[in-house]
Structures are given as C-alpha cells and as structure tokens.
Protein backbone atom coordinates (compact mmCIF):
# COMPACT_ATOMS: atom_id res chain seq x y z
CA MET A 1 -52.70 41.24 -68.63
CA ILE A 2 -53.88 44.42 -67.19
CA ILE A 3 -53.15 44.81 -63.56
CA PRO A 4 -55.14 47.19 -61.57
CA VAL A 5 -53.73 50.56 -60.67
CA ALA A 6 -54.71 50.21 -57.01
CA ALA A 7 -52.86 46.67 -56.70
CA VAL A 8 -49.87 48.24 -58.45
CA LEU A 9 -49.91 51.06 -55.66
CA LEU A 10 -50.59 48.86 -52.76
CA ILE A 11 -47.45 46.51 -53.81
CA THR A 12 -45.40 49.86 -54.03
CA ALA A 13 -46.05 51.05 -50.93
CA CYS A 14 -45.57 47.89 -48.95
CA THR A 15 -41.86 47.86 -50.36
CA LYS A 16 -41.00 51.13 -49.48
CA GLU A 17 -42.14 50.71 -45.79
CA THR A 18 -40.23 47.45 -45.51
CA SER A 19 -36.90 49.06 -46.59
CA GLU A 20 -37.41 51.91 -44.09
CA ILE A 21 -38.17 50.00 -40.87
CA ARG A 22 -34.75 49.31 -39.54
CA LEU A 23 -33.71 49.14 -35.82
CA ASP A 24 -30.80 51.37 -34.69
CA PRO A 25 -27.65 49.52 -33.94
CA ALA A 26 -27.53 48.10 -30.45
CA LEU A 27 -24.96 45.81 -28.52
CA GLY A 28 -24.95 43.78 -25.32
CA THR A 29 -22.25 42.54 -23.23
CA THR A 30 -23.88 39.52 -21.57
CA LYS A 31 -21.16 37.77 -19.44
CA VAL A 32 -17.41 37.36 -18.62
CA PHE A 33 -16.20 33.88 -17.64
CA ASN A 34 -13.19 31.49 -17.94
CA ILE A 35 -11.50 33.97 -15.93
CA THR A 36 -7.77 32.95 -15.19
CA SER A 37 -4.58 34.77 -13.93
CA ASN A 38 -4.06 36.14 -17.34
CA SER A 39 -6.97 35.85 -19.50
CA ALA A 40 -10.78 35.92 -19.71
CA THR A 41 -13.53 35.28 -22.12
CA VAL A 42 -16.35 38.12 -22.88
CA THR A 43 -19.30 37.57 -24.81
CA GLY A 44 -21.06 40.06 -26.99
CA PHE A 45 -24.31 39.97 -28.51
CA VAL A 46 -25.63 41.86 -31.39
CA VAL A 47 -29.30 43.22 -30.69
CA ALA A 48 -29.58 44.97 -33.79
CA GLU A 49 -27.23 45.60 -36.70
CA GLY A 50 -28.67 48.78 -38.11
CA ALA A 51 -26.85 49.34 -41.31
CA GLY A 52 -24.53 46.32 -40.61
CA PHE A 53 -21.29 45.74 -38.52
CA THR A 54 -17.79 45.33 -40.46
CA THR A 55 -16.08 44.67 -37.02
CA ARG A 56 -17.26 43.09 -33.61
CA GLY A 57 -14.96 42.62 -30.58
CA VAL A 58 -14.19 43.37 -27.08
CA CYS A 59 -12.49 46.40 -25.52
CA TRP A 60 -10.76 46.36 -22.15
CA SER A 61 -8.98 48.54 -19.58
CA LYS A 62 -8.17 48.92 -15.78
CA GLU A 63 -10.15 52.07 -15.76
CA PRO A 64 -14.09 52.14 -16.27
CA GLY A 65 -15.34 52.96 -19.54
CA PRO A 66 -13.03 51.28 -21.81
CA THR A 67 -13.09 52.21 -25.61
CA THR A 68 -11.21 51.08 -28.84
CA ALA A 69 -8.64 53.52 -27.95
CA ASP A 70 -7.82 51.29 -25.17
CA PHE A 71 -6.96 47.68 -25.39
CA LYS A 72 -9.28 45.78 -27.86
CA ASP A 73 -9.43 42.20 -29.36
CA SER A 74 -11.77 41.89 -32.56
CA TYR A 75 -13.84 38.49 -32.88
CA ALA A 76 -12.72 36.65 -36.04
CA GLY A 77 -15.51 34.36 -36.28
CA PRO A 78 -18.74 34.33 -38.66
CA LEU A 79 -20.91 37.45 -38.52
CA THR A 80 -23.91 35.43 -39.13
CA ASN A 81 -24.54 34.46 -35.13
CA ALA A 82 -25.52 37.27 -32.97
CA ALA A 83 -23.72 36.05 -29.88
CA TYR A 84 -19.82 36.00 -30.23
CA ASN A 85 -16.82 35.37 -27.78
CA VAL A 86 -13.57 36.86 -27.51
CA THR A 87 -11.04 35.79 -25.34
CA LEU A 88 -8.56 38.48 -23.75
CA LYS A 89 -5.02 37.52 -22.90
CA GLY A 90 -1.75 38.83 -21.40
CA LEU A 91 -3.84 40.23 -18.79
CA ASP A 92 -2.06 41.02 -15.20
CA PHE A 93 -2.81 38.66 -12.34
CA ALA A 94 -4.83 39.77 -9.36
CA THR A 95 -6.04 42.71 -11.43
CA THR A 96 -9.61 44.40 -11.73
CA TYR A 97 -10.45 45.13 -15.10
CA HIS A 98 -13.49 46.78 -16.90
CA ALA A 99 -14.72 45.16 -20.37
CA ARG A 100 -17.39 45.63 -23.07
CA ALA A 101 -18.47 44.65 -26.38
CA TYR A 102 -18.12 46.99 -29.19
CA ALA A 103 -19.16 46.82 -33.01
CA THR A 104 -18.08 49.23 -35.86
CA GLY A 105 -20.19 49.83 -38.86
CA PRO A 106 -21.14 52.56 -41.29
CA GLU A 107 -23.00 54.71 -38.37
CA GLY A 108 -19.69 54.24 -36.06
CA THR A 109 -18.64 52.27 -33.08
CA ILE A 110 -21.23 51.21 -30.58
CA TYR A 111 -20.76 49.44 -27.14
CA GLY A 112 -22.52 47.06 -24.91
CA GLU A 113 -22.89 47.23 -21.30
CA GLU A 114 -19.77 47.22 -19.03
CA HIS A 115 -18.67 44.30 -16.94
CA SER A 116 -15.94 44.26 -14.43
CA PHE A 117 -13.86 41.29 -13.17
CA THR A 118 -10.49 40.56 -11.36
CA THR A 119 -8.05 38.14 -12.65
CA LEU A 120 -6.83 35.21 -10.36
CA PRO A 121 -3.77 35.41 -8.27
CA VAL A 122 -0.70 33.61 -8.94
CA LEU A 123 1.83 31.68 -6.72
CA ALA A 124 3.93 33.49 -4.44
CA THR A 125 7.64 33.87 -5.20
CA VAL A 126 9.79 32.15 -2.62
CA THR A 127 13.48 31.45 -2.40
CA THR A 128 15.53 28.84 -0.34
CA VAL A 129 18.04 29.95 2.05
CA GLU A 130 21.30 28.06 2.38
CA VAL A 131 21.42 25.21 4.98
CA THR A 132 23.63 25.84 8.07
CA GLU A 133 24.37 24.48 11.44
CA ILE A 134 24.27 21.00 10.05
CA GLU A 135 24.61 18.42 12.86
CA GLY A 136 23.91 15.01 13.34
CA THR A 137 20.14 15.24 13.89
CA THR A 138 19.64 19.04 13.11
CA ALA A 139 20.14 21.89 10.55
CA THR A 140 18.81 25.18 10.16
CA THR A 141 17.56 26.82 6.66
CA GLY A 142 14.66 29.17 5.78
CA GLY A 143 13.61 31.38 2.89
CA ASP A 144 12.26 34.69 1.64
CA VAL A 145 8.80 35.30 0.60
CA THR A 146 9.47 38.15 -2.11
CA ALA A 147 5.91 38.56 -3.75
CA ASP A 148 2.67 36.92 -2.55
CA GLY A 149 1.28 36.57 -6.06
CA GLY A 150 -1.67 38.91 -5.40
CA ALA A 151 -3.10 36.79 -2.48
CA ALA A 152 -2.24 36.41 1.06
CA VAL A 153 0.47 34.24 2.06
CA THR A 154 -1.20 31.96 4.48
CA ALA A 155 1.51 29.65 5.37
CA LYS A 156 5.15 29.49 4.59
CA GLY A 157 8.12 27.11 5.98
CA VAL A 158 10.66 24.71 4.42
CA VAL A 159 9.80 20.91 3.18
CA TYR A 160 12.53 18.38 3.24
CA GLY A 161 12.82 14.52 2.71
CA LEU A 162 15.15 11.65 1.55
CA THR A 163 14.18 12.02 -2.08
CA THR A 164 14.35 15.05 -4.47
CA MET A 165 11.61 17.58 -4.88
CA PRO A 166 10.09 17.30 -1.44
CA THR A 167 6.23 18.67 -1.00
CA VAL A 168 4.15 19.92 1.72
CA GLU A 169 2.55 16.20 1.87
CA GLY A 170 5.82 15.46 3.55
CA SER A 171 8.06 16.55 6.20
CA LYS A 172 7.85 20.35 6.65
CA THR A 173 8.13 23.50 9.20
CA VAL A 174 5.50 26.02 9.33
CA ASP A 175 7.24 29.42 9.99
CA GLY A 176 4.43 32.00 9.78
CA ASP A 177 2.77 33.79 7.00
CA GLY A 178 3.01 36.80 4.86
CA LEU A 179 5.85 38.14 3.21
CA GLY A 180 9.54 38.59 4.18
CA GLU A 181 12.19 36.40 5.48
CA PHE A 182 11.96 33.18 7.96
CA VAL A 183 14.30 30.71 9.59
CA SER A 184 13.44 27.16 9.65
CA HIS A 185 15.07 24.58 12.13
CA LEU A 186 15.17 21.09 11.13
CA THR A 187 15.07 18.40 13.85
CA GLY A 188 14.90 14.77 14.43
CA LEU A 189 16.99 13.97 11.32
CA LYS A 190 18.88 11.00 10.89
CA GLY A 191 22.73 11.03 10.95
CA LEU A 192 24.98 10.74 7.85
CA THR A 193 21.79 10.94 5.63
CA LYS A 194 21.57 13.16 2.49
CA TYR A 195 18.40 15.43 2.73
CA TYR A 196 16.73 17.63 -0.21
CA VAL A 197 14.99 20.78 1.22
CA ARG A 198 13.30 23.51 -0.31
CA ALA A 199 11.18 26.88 0.85
CA TYR A 200 7.44 26.96 0.31
CA ALA A 201 4.80 29.75 0.34
CA THR A 202 0.83 28.71 0.17
CA ASN A 203 -1.73 31.27 -1.02
CA SER A 204 -5.18 30.66 -2.47
CA ALA A 205 -3.43 29.87 -5.82
CA GLY A 206 -1.71 27.20 -4.46
CA THR A 207 1.80 26.30 -3.13
CA ALA A 208 4.95 27.65 -4.48
CA TYR A 209 8.55 26.28 -3.90
CA GLY A 210 11.88 27.74 -3.94
CA PRO A 211 14.96 26.25 -5.47
CA GLU A 212 15.98 22.82 -4.09
CA LEU A 213 19.19 22.43 -1.85
CA SER A 214 20.46 19.19 -0.38
CA PHE A 215 22.87 18.77 2.44
CA THR A 216 24.03 15.85 4.25
CA THR A 217 23.97 15.56 8.24
CA LEU A 218 26.92 14.74 10.35
CA VAL A 219 27.81 11.71 12.34
CA SER A 220 24.64 11.58 14.90
CA VAL A 221 26.94 9.39 17.43
CA ARG A 222 30.53 10.13 18.09
CA GLU A 223 32.34 7.41 19.56
CA TRP A 224 35.79 8.32 20.67
CA TYR A 225 38.59 6.42 22.35
CA VAL A 226 40.75 7.64 25.40
CA PRO A 227 44.08 6.08 24.98
CA GLY A 228 46.80 6.39 27.57
CA ASN A 229 49.37 5.32 30.04
CA TYR A 230 46.95 4.70 32.39
CA VAL A 231 44.71 1.69 30.67
CA ALA A 232 46.29 -1.51 31.67
CA ALA A 233 46.72 -0.59 35.37
CA SER A 234 43.19 0.81 35.59
CA TYR A 235 41.31 -2.21 33.98
CA PRO A 236 43.10 -5.24 34.94
CA GLY A 237 41.78 -8.52 32.98
CA SER A 238 40.13 -6.42 30.59
CA GLY A 239 42.34 -7.03 27.37
CA LEU A 240 42.53 -3.13 27.38
CA ALA A 241 46.17 -2.06 26.60
CA ASP A 242 48.30 1.18 27.05
CA TRP A 243 47.98 3.75 23.99
CA SER A 244 46.13 1.79 21.97
CA PRO A 245 43.05 3.46 20.99
CA ASP A 246 41.20 0.32 20.01
CA LYS A 247 41.81 -1.19 23.20
CA SER A 248 41.08 1.68 25.29
CA PRO A 249 37.92 3.08 27.16
CA MET A 250 35.41 5.25 25.12
CA VAL A 251 33.41 8.12 25.40
CA LYS A 252 30.14 8.85 23.03
CA SER A 253 27.47 10.90 22.51
CA ASN A 254 23.77 10.05 21.20
CA GLU A 255 21.38 11.38 18.65
CA ALA A 256 19.65 13.57 21.07
CA ASN A 257 22.67 15.58 21.79
CA PRO A 258 25.56 14.56 19.23
CA ASN A 259 27.83 17.34 20.43
CA ASN A 260 28.04 16.08 23.88
CA VAL A 261 30.52 13.43 23.97
CA GLU A 262 31.01 11.84 27.74
CA GLY A 263 31.65 8.87 29.63
CA TYR A 264 33.28 7.77 33.19
CA ILE A 265 36.85 6.49 32.84
CA TYR A 266 39.14 5.30 35.79
CA MET A 267 42.73 6.39 36.22
CA ALA A 268 44.49 4.26 38.59
CA GLY A 269 47.93 5.81 38.22
CA ALA A 270 49.38 8.89 40.32
CA SER A 271 49.98 10.67 37.14
CA ASN A 272 47.77 9.76 33.98
CA MET A 273 48.51 10.95 30.56
CA PHE A 274 46.13 10.50 27.66
CA LYS A 275 44.73 11.75 24.25
CA ILE A 276 41.17 11.63 22.69
CA SER A 277 41.22 9.34 19.53
CA ALA A 278 38.22 10.14 17.06
CA GLN A 279 38.99 6.49 15.55
CA PRO A 280 40.27 3.06 16.59
CA GLY A 281 43.88 3.89 15.78
CA TRP A 282 46.50 6.76 15.30
CA ASP A 283 45.78 7.22 11.45
CA GLY A 284 43.16 9.68 11.89
CA THR A 285 42.11 12.74 14.00
CA ASN A 286 43.32 12.46 17.58
CA TYR A 287 43.07 15.59 19.92
CA GLY A 288 45.47 16.61 22.87
CA ALA A 289 45.70 19.56 25.05
CA GLY A 290 44.88 23.03 23.51
CA ALA A 291 46.40 26.02 23.94
CA THR A 292 44.34 26.99 26.76
CA ALA A 293 43.29 24.88 29.62
CA GLY A 294 39.92 22.80 29.01
CA THR A 295 40.49 23.13 25.31
CA LEU A 296 41.39 20.38 22.72
CA SER A 297 43.67 20.71 19.67
CA ALA A 298 44.50 18.04 16.98
CA THR A 299 48.29 19.02 17.36
CA GLY A 300 48.08 19.02 20.92
CA GLY A 301 50.31 17.05 23.50
CA ASP A 302 49.26 14.48 25.95
CA ILE A 303 46.67 15.54 28.41
CA SER A 304 47.41 14.99 32.18
CA LEU A 305 45.18 14.17 35.28
CA PRO A 306 46.23 13.24 38.62
CA GLY A 307 45.11 9.97 40.13
CA PRO A 308 44.05 7.61 41.38
CA ALA A 309 40.50 8.94 40.29
CA TYR A 310 37.41 8.12 38.64
CA TYR A 311 36.61 10.85 36.17
CA LYS A 312 33.48 11.91 34.20
CA ILE A 313 34.61 13.06 31.02
CA ASN A 314 32.49 15.62 28.92
CA ILE A 315 33.56 17.19 25.61
CA ASN A 316 31.70 19.80 23.64
CA ALA A 317 32.30 18.85 20.06
CA GLY A 318 30.20 21.68 18.80
CA VAL A 319 32.53 24.45 19.62
CA ASP A 320 35.95 25.58 17.98
CA PRO A 321 38.25 24.76 19.59
CA MET A 322 36.48 21.86 21.26
CA THR A 323 36.21 22.05 25.17
CA TYR A 324 36.54 19.24 27.78
CA THR A 325 35.94 18.69 31.52
CA ALA A 326 37.29 16.28 33.73
CA VAL A 327 35.62 15.71 37.13
CA ALA A 328 36.89 13.28 39.58
CA MET A 329 33.82 11.49 41.14
CA ASN A 330 32.96 9.76 44.30
CA TRP A 331 29.81 8.15 44.12
CA GLY A 332 27.29 7.37 47.07
CA VAL A 333 23.53 6.92 48.11
CA ILE A 334 21.20 9.48 49.64
CA GLY A 335 17.70 9.54 50.73
CA ALA A 336 15.69 7.63 53.53
CA VAL A 337 18.73 5.49 54.31
CA ASN A 338 20.35 8.80 55.73
CA GLY A 339 17.83 11.40 56.14
CA TRP A 340 18.77 13.03 52.98
CA SER A 341 22.07 14.23 54.58
CA ALA A 342 25.95 13.42 53.67
CA GLN A 343 25.87 10.48 50.98
CA VAL A 344 26.18 7.13 52.16
CA PRO A 345 29.59 6.05 49.89
CA LEU A 346 30.04 3.46 47.51
CA THR A 347 33.24 1.96 46.60
CA TYR A 348 34.64 1.71 43.04
CA ASP A 349 35.85 -1.93 42.12
CA PRO A 350 38.21 -1.97 39.21
CA ALA A 351 37.72 -5.56 38.84
CA VAL A 352 33.93 -5.42 37.58
CA ARG A 353 33.79 -1.65 37.00
CA VAL A 354 31.14 -0.67 39.05
CA TRP A 355 30.61 1.27 42.35
CA LYS A 356 29.14 -1.03 44.85
CA ALA A 357 28.10 -1.71 48.58
CA GLY A 358 26.23 -3.75 50.82
CA ILE A 359 23.73 -1.03 52.70
CA HIS A 360 20.72 -1.60 55.13
CA MET A 361 17.93 0.69 53.75
CA PRO A 362 14.72 1.38 55.01
CA ALA A 363 11.62 1.37 53.11
CA GLY A 364 11.59 4.97 51.08
CA PRO A 365 13.36 6.89 48.58
CA TRP A 366 16.75 7.31 47.56
CA LYS A 367 19.19 8.41 44.70
CA PHE A 368 22.68 8.19 43.57
CA ARG A 369 24.68 11.15 44.42
CA ALA A 370 28.48 12.24 43.75
CA ASN A 371 30.84 14.46 45.58
CA ASP A 372 27.80 15.23 48.11
CA SER A 373 26.44 17.51 45.32
CA TRP A 374 23.36 18.06 43.70
CA ASP A 375 25.00 18.74 40.33
CA TYR A 376 25.64 15.17 39.96
CA ASN A 377 22.80 12.81 40.65
CA TYR A 378 21.05 10.00 39.06
CA GLY A 379 17.64 8.61 39.62
CA ALA A 380 15.39 6.04 37.71
CA PRO A 381 11.61 5.85 36.61
CA GLU A 382 9.50 3.60 38.39
CA GLY A 383 10.29 -0.15 37.46
CA SER A 384 13.40 0.72 35.20
CA LEU A 385 17.15 -0.09 35.85
CA SER A 386 18.51 2.63 33.44
CA LEU A 387 19.45 5.73 35.35
CA VAL A 388 18.63 9.51 34.39
CA ALA A 389 20.75 12.21 35.15
CA GLY A 390 18.64 14.25 37.83
CA GLY A 391 15.99 11.58 37.50
CA PRO A 392 13.00 10.46 39.60
CA ASP A 393 13.76 9.12 43.52
CA ILE A 394 14.18 5.36 43.27
CA ASN A 395 12.09 3.49 46.06
CA ALA A 396 13.00 0.81 48.29
CA THR A 397 9.81 -1.05 49.00
CA VAL A 398 11.18 -3.19 51.80
CA GLU A 399 13.71 -2.35 54.61
CA ASP A 400 16.25 -4.78 54.10
CA ASP A 401 20.24 -5.23 53.54
CA TYR A 402 20.53 -4.46 49.92
CA ALA A 403 23.64 -5.00 47.45
CA ILE A 404 23.85 -1.57 45.53
CA THR A 405 25.58 -1.53 42.41
CA LEU A 406 26.06 1.61 40.13
CA ASP A 407 27.30 0.66 36.71
CA LEU A 408 28.67 3.80 34.78
CA SER A 409 31.01 1.59 32.49
CA THR A 410 29.02 1.74 29.24
CA PRO A 411 28.82 5.70 28.03
CA LEU A 412 25.26 7.15 28.15
CA ALA A 413 23.60 3.72 29.21
CA TYR A 414 23.90 3.84 32.96
CA THR A 415 22.25 1.38 35.25
CA TYR A 416 21.83 0.08 38.70
CA ARG A 417 20.72 -2.67 40.89
CA ALA A 418 19.58 -2.77 44.25
CA ASP A 419 19.01 -6.37 45.52
CA ARG A 420 17.94 -8.23 48.43
CA TRP A 421 19.48 -11.79 48.78
CA GLY A 422 18.71 -15.22 49.82
CA VAL A 423 18.84 -18.65 49.07
CA ILE A 424 16.05 -21.02 47.96
CA GLY A 425 15.77 -24.67 46.97
CA ASP A 426 14.91 -28.04 48.42
CA ALA A 427 17.85 -28.04 50.60
CA THR A 428 16.69 -24.92 52.57
CA PRO A 429 13.85 -24.74 54.99
CA GLY A 430 11.59 -22.87 52.62
CA GLN A 431 12.04 -25.37 49.84
CA TRP A 432 11.34 -23.96 46.55
CA SER A 433 8.62 -21.63 47.88
CA ASP A 434 10.37 -19.16 50.37
CA ASP A 435 13.66 -17.79 50.32
CA THR A 436 15.88 -17.55 53.59
CA ASN A 437 17.02 -14.33 53.77
CA MET A 438 20.85 -13.43 53.84
CA THR A 439 22.43 -10.25 55.77
CA TRP A 440 25.19 -8.07 54.68
CA ASP A 441 28.73 -8.77 56.54
CA ALA A 442 30.26 -5.35 56.20
CA VAL A 443 33.65 -6.54 57.76
CA ASN A 444 33.91 -9.43 54.99
CA GLY A 445 32.18 -7.69 52.24
CA ARG A 446 29.67 -10.49 51.46
CA PHE A 447 26.19 -11.63 52.54
CA THR A 448 26.04 -14.54 54.67
CA VAL A 449 23.56 -16.87 56.25
CA THR A 450 23.68 -19.72 58.68
CA LEU A 451 21.01 -22.50 58.28
CA ASN A 452 20.24 -26.06 58.13
CA LEU A 453 20.56 -27.82 54.76
CA THR A 454 19.43 -31.16 53.37
CA ALA A 455 21.18 -33.15 50.95
CA ASN A 456 19.35 -31.31 47.69
CA SER A 457 20.13 -28.37 46.02
CA PHE A 458 19.72 -24.73 46.28
CA LYS A 459 20.26 -21.36 44.26
CA PHE A 460 20.99 -17.38 45.31
CA ARG A 461 17.69 -15.31 44.27
CA ALA A 462 17.62 -11.76 44.29
CA ASN A 463 14.31 -10.01 45.64
CA ASP A 464 12.19 -13.06 46.29
CA GLY A 465 11.66 -13.29 42.64
CA TRP A 466 13.49 -15.36 39.23
CA ASP A 467 14.47 -12.28 37.37
CA TYR A 468 17.59 -12.23 38.72
CA ASN A 469 19.20 -15.59 40.32
CA PHE A 470 22.61 -17.41 40.38
CA GLY A 471 23.75 -20.86 40.31
CA GLY A 472 26.41 -23.41 38.79
CA SER A 473 29.89 -23.74 40.55
CA LEU A 474 30.64 -21.72 43.77
CA SER A 475 33.94 -20.08 42.50
CA ALA A 476 32.12 -18.87 39.10
CA LEU A 477 28.39 -18.40 39.54
CA THR A 478 26.43 -17.62 36.42
CA PRO A 479 23.06 -15.75 36.04
CA GLY A 480 20.52 -18.41 35.80
CA GLY A 481 22.91 -21.24 36.55
CA ASP A 482 22.41 -24.79 37.52
CA ASN A 483 21.09 -25.61 40.97
CA ILE A 484 24.08 -25.96 43.53
CA SER A 485 24.19 -29.38 44.85
CA VAL A 486 24.41 -30.20 48.88
CA THR A 487 25.80 -33.39 48.93
CA GLU A 488 25.62 -33.84 52.82
CA ALA A 489 22.91 -32.72 55.49
CA GLY A 490 24.08 -30.27 58.25
CA ASN A 491 24.61 -26.93 59.58
CA TYR A 492 26.11 -24.59 56.83
CA THR A 493 27.45 -21.08 56.71
CA ILE A 494 26.76 -19.54 53.12
CA THR A 495 28.39 -16.44 51.87
CA PHE A 496 27.69 -15.02 48.30
CA ASP A 497 29.64 -11.83 46.81
CA PRO A 498 26.95 -10.72 44.18
CA TRP A 499 29.48 -8.57 42.14
CA ALA A 500 32.45 -11.18 41.97
CA ARG A 501 29.70 -13.77 41.68
CA VAL A 502 31.64 -16.25 44.11
CA ALA A 503 30.22 -17.99 47.23
CA THR A 504 31.45 -20.16 49.97
CA MET A 505 29.67 -23.08 51.51
CA THR A 506 31.17 -24.18 54.75
CA LYS A 507 29.81 -26.95 57.30
CA ASN A 508 29.72 -25.89 60.74
C-alpha cells in the first residue's frame, strides 16, 4: 500500500511536536497540619515534573528559606500521585519552624512555597517540696516550677487527698502563677490521717504534677491529765484520786488549735504538787517542771502551785520546750447589774464544780469576767448556753432574781445558766398555767417562796418554761422528775437550791 507523502510528513511533524511540549518542573507546598509539640505534617504537590523527579520530600529549618542542606525528610510513597505528605519528627516544642516541599530530578532540586508553623507547648516542669510543720489539722509544703513548657503557667499550687495520685479535681491550693518557688499551707486536715500531696502547674498544654509525697497528721486533739497531791481534796465525792492520771482532772485542745491545751483546775491545798501526763497512766510521757520557769520537761520534777485557788492552765505544745501558764481565777459577772464597774463575785462550789451566785439583775446586757480584768471574759451568742472567750454580751430580758451558774469543768466546752425560779402545779395558786416566783435568800443561799398550797402537786420550773425543771424527791431532785406531792393543804415555805438540787417544804 502506498502512503501519500503528505500524510507521512504530517504524522512525523505531530510526533516531534508532542515530545518537545514539556512543562518546566514546578512544585507547591499546600498546607501544614497535625501540628503537635514535636511533629507536624506537610503536604507537597507536584505541579509539573519536567524531566521527572527521583526524590520528593520536605525540608525545614528554624530560619526562613530552608533547603535540603538543612533538615529534610524524603517522601517514601508512590510517585504516581501529585500530592504527598511528609511528617516531620523530633521537633522542639513551642518553636516556630519554616518548611517547604522539595523535589530533585535530572534538572536539579526545586522548592515549593514556604510555610511557617509553631509547635505546641508541653506541660510545665514542677517539683514538690518536702512537707513540714505537720500538725493535727495543718501542714506546709509547696513546689518549684522550673520550666513553663513554652506557655505561660496560669496556676500553680499543690493537690492533696486521702488516696494516691491526687489531681486538681480534688482538694488543692492556688499559690500564684508563673515560674519559681511557692509555699502552700494546708488547712482543715483530719488528725492522725495519712495524706498524699504533689505540686501542680497549669499551662495551655494542661496540668503537670510533681513527684508525690505523703505525710501523716499529728493527733488533732490532745487530752492530757493533771495528776497530783491535790486531787482527792479538791474533787470530793468524784472518785478522782491523788497521783493517778486516769483519775485526775483533764486539760485538752481542739482541732481548731491543737497546740493550745487548756482547762480549769481547782487546787484546794495550801501547797499543790502536780505533773502533766500525756496518757492515763505513768507508762508513757509525762511532763514536769522545765529548766526555766514556765517550761515543761519530760524529765522534770513536780510542779508546785499555791492554793487554795482555781487555776486556768494553758500549755503551748507547739514549741520546744513546751511552755505553760497557770493563772488563779476569781470569777464574777459585770454589766447592767453594776453599771459595768467592778464585777459582782461568784463563789466556787467544789461539790458541783461550778461558780455560782444568786443575783438580782435588771434587764440588760452582762458578761462573765475574771480577776476584774477584760483579759479574761466570756460571752455567748443569742440563744446559746455555750460560752465564747470575748464573746457577745448575754442579755437578761426580765428584771428578777437569777441563779447564775458558770461551768468551766469541761475543757473547751464552757457553759452557763441564768435562771429565774418558780413553782408551778395544781397545788399552787397559778395551777399548771402560771408560775409563782421565788426570790433569792442571800443569807441561806437558796431561793424561797411562802404560799398557800392545796393537797395536790407541783414542780420547780426555770424561766416560766418547761425546758428546765425539777421534780422527784426533795432531797435529791432530778431534771424533769416526777411531780412533788402535797399531802395536806396549808401555808408553806418552800426553799430550793438549784445547784445542790435539794429543796425543803415546811408547813407554817
């Protein structure tokens, strides 16, 4: 078959032109993604291969204009795809990098556009400081933020709890921000309890924790005994005995102030010897007089105090050597009853262990005070019978004769009463509706009333209410006791001692 020359020339010309039409090699860098603190992925795109590429990849540097002479990673995937991804690894955190795609072929190496990116920060570096000043409810620790991880530390402190590895979701302190050391004060802890603690530091990468430490709080309440030669005579009928720690008065502290051990002790002798025992026996630690006045020593001898006197004992157990004070107290009341001048005295009754007095008081405020000094005074919140050192004034709402009772016998649980007394019952003129008031007989130290009684019954009642009343046997009255019977109608004189809880009923 003969092919026309023109056709041959046309085919030849077309073939030659196709082989010579070839775009120059071109490369793009399209994006950077999946950025972490130490890696990032860069996408390259082959726009035109020219004579072809033997290697594709990404180069990068901390400086602009990276080349293959800097850091580079080649692409190991198939070369048939125009787009390719390369993940850069081993990067520094919180650092700005410059990256661009590259491709190498017979015509040399070409580069795509440059992209910059910044790796993410990492957690801060923080250490935990040794726990010190451990008490019953408090301790001191802290930490040191030595590196911020490439992002500002916005909060630091310590976390703590009863189980290992505490986190900021639980109990924590907040002790500032930024780098550097900090001190953390832990409060509100439970006594004799093991705690776990570690420092923390928070930045945009999250919260880092220091090494975990543990500590155990001390006894939160100290209950100590005051044995001595004064006990039996000072506490008659109580079962307490001389030189027996378990049969001695006590002093104690509370969780709010575990190092302040205090209590009131009556010492009836002219010369009173005693020690402080930390347990109800002599087989453990006990303290006597220290080398200097007012100090205690585990090897010290007996402590001596003159008497008879009612002492307030305070021991500071948080110092070495421990110190103590013993202040003789004479208590009274002061207020509207005497124009806030010298206190009206109370009398201490060893048989019932309270300070007491019958006092005619006007309506108005008053307080308990010792030694005619405001250094020692107690008040009480409205409606409460619990005393507070330096607390608010107590208010007498009605002018009348009051039985005043100051009870300091239980350490750190001091109470009072201020009672107006009367008789009530179907034997009395007021029946069970109205009290017949009693008056204070200062000579005999009792409340008294003379009235006509019918052959029925009655009780003693305080403050025109049933919150506090006595009944039962006249020689041993009991709170809330049975009605007291009147077997024969007539005119009677009734007396009542609210402290000894005895009464008399005499027909006139």
